[in-house]
Amino acid sequence: MNITPHIPRSARYTIGARIENKFLDLLELSYIAYFSEKDKKIEKILECISILDTLKFLIHVSWEAKFISHKHYEDLAVNLENVGKMFGGWKRNLETLEKKNRTG
């Protein structure tokens, strides 16, 4: 998500850069989680969820400070919410498989 051009120059290299770095961290960690060993996947997904929550917070702060428009914030919030649902589903699926393996 290309958010930096929408943030005023005064905040672009502080919170804007932080947001971009968090997006990249999330992308990188989700890639690592996908290819991790089964016993480490849930741990990596939990890290992804934590980064996602931080990203949501930073974007909310940017909106509150009027660095991004309401429309841009709304679009980002909807997309991040969908990503959160995907990570939550992935985590639940792995937990379900793990419980089945323990009992079965």
C-alpha atoms as a PDB file:
ATOM      1  CA  MET A   1       0.000   0.000   0.000  1.00  0.00           C
ATOM      2  CA  ASN A   2       1.499   3.244  -1.106  1.00  0.00           C
ATOM      3  CA  ILE A   3       0.629   5.579   1.753  1.00  0.00           C
ATOM      4  CA  THR A   4       3.670   7.853   1.879  1.00  0.00           C
ATOM      5  CA  PRO A   5       2.658  10.192  -0.975  1.00  0.00           C
ATOM      6  CA  HIS A   6      -0.598  10.940   0.876  1.00  0.00           C
ATOM      7  CA  ILE A   7       1.195  12.074   4.021  1.00  0.00           C
ATOM      8  CA  PRO A   8       2.442  15.678   4.224  1.00  0.00           C
ATOM      9  CA  ARG A   9       6.169  16.136   3.786  1.00  0.00           C
ATOM     10  CA  SER A  10       6.553  17.168   7.442  1.00  0.00           C
ATOM     11  CA  ALA A  11       5.477  13.684   8.591  1.00  0.00           C
ATOM     12  CA  ARG A  12       6.475  11.639   5.553  1.00  0.00           C
ATOM     13  CA  TYR A  13       9.889  10.633   6.857  1.00  0.00           C
ATOM     14  CA  THR A  14       8.735   9.901  10.386  1.00  0.00           C
ATOM     15  CA  ILE A  15       5.349   8.215  10.697  1.00  0.00           C
ATOM     16  CA  GLY A  16       5.059   7.687   6.931  1.00  0.00           C
ATOM     17  CA  ALA A  17       8.340   5.804   6.784  1.00  0.00           C
ATOM     18  CA  ARG A  18       7.394   3.844   9.897  1.00  0.00           C
ATOM     19  CA  ILE A  19       4.112   2.763   8.302  1.00  0.00           C
ATOM     20  CA  GLU A  20       5.843   1.694   5.093  1.00  0.00           C
ATOM     21  CA  ASN A  21       8.424  -0.273   7.067  1.00  0.00           C
ATOM     22  CA  LYS A  22       5.662  -2.023   9.034  1.00  0.00           C
ATOM     23  CA  PHE A  23       3.948  -2.990   5.769  1.00  0.00           C
ATOM     24  CA  LEU A  24       7.215  -4.450   4.515  1.00  0.00           C
ATOM     25  CA  ASP A  25       7.827  -6.223   7.844  1.00  0.00           C
ATOM     26  CA  LEU A  26       4.355  -7.741   7.643  1.00  0.00           C
ATOM     27  CA  LEU A  27       4.883  -8.886   4.072  1.00  0.00           C
ATOM     28  CA  GLU A  28       8.257 -10.414   4.923  1.00  0.00           C
ATOM     29  CA  LEU A  29       7.031 -12.153   8.070  1.00  0.00           C
ATOM     30  CA  SER A  30       3.948 -13.571   6.356  1.00  0.00           C
ATOM     31  CA  TYR A  31       6.244 -15.041   3.692  1.00  0.00           C
ATOM     32  CA  ILE A  32       8.418 -16.552   6.422  1.00  0.00           C
ATOM     33  CA  ALA A  33       5.326 -17.901   8.215  1.00  0.00           C
ATOM     34  CA  TYR A  34       4.066 -19.543   5.043  1.00  0.00           C
ATOM     35  CA  PHE A  35       7.308 -21.489   4.608  1.00  0.00           C
ATOM     36  CA  SER A  36       7.981 -22.162   8.306  1.00  0.00           C
ATOM     37  CA  GLU A  37       7.912 -25.591   9.855  1.00  0.00           C
ATOM     38  CA  LYS A  38       4.517 -26.630  11.199  1.00  0.00           C
ATOM     39  CA  ASP A  39       5.514 -26.234  14.846  1.00  0.00           C
ATOM     40  CA  LYS A  40       6.714 -22.642  14.266  1.00  0.00           C
ATOM     41  CA  LYS A  41       3.883 -21.405  12.010  1.00  0.00           C
ATOM     42  CA  ILE A  42       1.513 -20.309  14.782  1.00  0.00           C
ATOM     43  CA  GLU A  43       4.292 -18.349  16.465  1.00  0.00           C
ATOM     44  CA  LYS A  44       5.062 -16.523  13.200  1.00  0.00           C
ATOM     45  CA  ILE A  45       1.384 -15.848  12.547  1.00  0.00           C
ATOM     46  CA  LEU A  46       1.048 -14.347  16.024  1.00  0.00           C
ATOM     47  CA  GLU A  47       3.965 -12.052  15.185  1.00  0.00           C
ATOM     48  CA  CYS A  48       2.174 -11.072  11.958  1.00  0.00           C
ATOM     49  CA  ILE A  49      -0.973 -10.253  13.916  1.00  0.00           C
ATOM     50  CA  SER A  50       1.061  -8.126  16.312  1.00  0.00           C
ATOM     51  CA  ILE A  51       2.665  -6.182  13.451  1.00  0.00           C
ATOM     52  CA  LEU A  52      -0.759  -5.761  11.840  1.00  0.00           C
ATOM     53  CA  ASP A  53      -2.162  -4.312  15.072  1.00  0.00           C
ATOM     54  CA  THR A  54       0.744  -1.872  15.273  1.00  0.00           C
ATOM     55  CA  LEU A  55       0.164  -0.902  11.657  1.00  0.00           C
ATOM     56  CA  LYS A  56      -3.524  -0.251  12.335  1.00  0.00           C
ATOM     57  CA  PHE A  57      -2.550   1.936  15.282  1.00  0.00           C
ATOM     58  CA  LEU A  58      -0.044   3.975  13.264  1.00  0.00           C
ATOM     59  CA  ILE A  59      -2.545   4.522  10.479  1.00  0.00           C
ATOM     60  CA  HIS A  60      -5.174   5.577  13.001  1.00  0.00           C
ATOM     61  CA  VAL A  61      -2.722   8.067  14.518  1.00  0.00           C
ATOM     62  CA  SER A  62      -2.000   9.413  11.027  1.00  0.00           C
ATOM     63  CA  TRP A  63      -5.702   9.894  10.421  1.00  0.00           C
ATOM     64  CA  GLU A  64      -6.232  11.560  13.815  1.00  0.00           C
ATOM     65  CA  ALA A  65      -3.363  13.948  13.049  1.00  0.00           C
ATOM     66  CA  LYS A  66      -5.012  14.635   9.659  1.00  0.00           C
ATOM     67  CA  PHE A  67      -1.991  13.351   7.744  1.00  0.00           C
ATOM     68  CA  ILE A  68      -4.282  11.164   5.617  1.00  0.00           C
ATOM     69  CA  SER A  69      -7.827  11.800   4.410  1.00  0.00           C
ATOM     70  CA  HIS A  70     -10.891  10.127   5.809  1.00  0.00           C
ATOM     71  CA  LYS A  71     -11.459   8.261   2.520  1.00  0.00           C
ATOM     72  CA  HIS A  72      -7.877   6.971   2.419  1.00  0.00           C
ATOM     73  CA  TYR A  73      -8.103   5.908   6.064  1.00  0.00           C
ATOM     74  CA  GLU A  74     -11.389   4.116   5.439  1.00  0.00           C
ATOM     75  CA  ASP A  75      -9.931   2.189   2.488  1.00  0.00           C
ATOM     76  CA  LEU A  76      -6.863   1.209   4.495  1.00  0.00           C
ATOM     77  CA  ALA A  77      -8.910   0.204   7.551  1.00  0.00           C
ATOM     78  CA  VAL A  78     -11.169  -2.079   5.492  1.00  0.00           C
ATOM     79  CA  ASN A  79      -8.193  -3.749   3.796  1.00  0.00           C
ATOM     80  CA  LEU A  80      -6.314  -4.199   7.071  1.00  0.00           C
ATOM     81  CA  GLU A  81      -9.432  -5.650   8.689  1.00  0.00           C
ATOM     82  CA  ASN A  82      -9.666  -8.220   5.890  1.00  0.00           C
ATOM     83  CA  VAL A  83      -5.993  -9.093   6.303  1.00  0.00           C
ATOM     84  CA  GLY A  84      -6.585  -9.536  10.035  1.00  0.00           C
ATOM     85  CA  LYS A  85      -9.451 -11.937   9.330  1.00  0.00           C
ATOM     86  CA  MET A  86      -7.174 -13.938   7.031  1.00  0.00           C
ATOM     87  CA  PHE A  87      -4.447 -14.201   9.662  1.00  0.00           C
ATOM     88  CA  GLY A  88      -7.041 -15.131  12.302  1.00  0.00           C
ATOM     89  CA  GLY A  89      -8.476 -17.848  10.072  1.00  0.00           C
ATOM     90  CA  TRP A  90      -5.012 -19.184   9.289  1.00  0.00           C
ATOM     91  CA  LYS A  91      -4.198 -19.316  13.002  1.00  0.00           C
ATOM     92  CA  ARG A  92      -7.501 -21.027  13.912  1.00  0.00           C
ATOM     93  CA  ASN A  93      -7.011 -23.571  11.138  1.00  0.00           C
ATOM     94  CA  LEU A  94      -3.533 -24.465  12.415  1.00  0.00           C
ATOM     95  CA  GLU A  95      -4.782 -24.678  16.013  1.00  0.00           C
ATOM     96  CA  THR A  96      -7.602 -26.996  14.918  1.00  0.00           C
ATOM     97  CA  LEU A  97      -5.158 -29.234  13.055  1.00  0.00           C
ATOM     98  CA  GLU A  98      -2.852 -29.238  16.061  1.00  0.00           C
ATOM     99  CA  LYS A  99      -5.685 -30.306  18.410  1.00  0.00           C
ATOM    100  CA  LYS A 100      -6.743 -33.080  16.016  1.00  0.00           C
ATOM    101  CA  ASN A 101      -3.182 -34.382  15.867  1.00  0.00           C
ATOM    102  CA  ARG A 102      -2.907 -34.457  19.662  1.00  0.00           C
ATOM    103  CA  THR A 103      -6.174 -36.307  20.219  1.00  0.00           C
ATOM    104  CA  GLY A 104      -6.133 -38.477  17.120  1.00  0.00           C
END
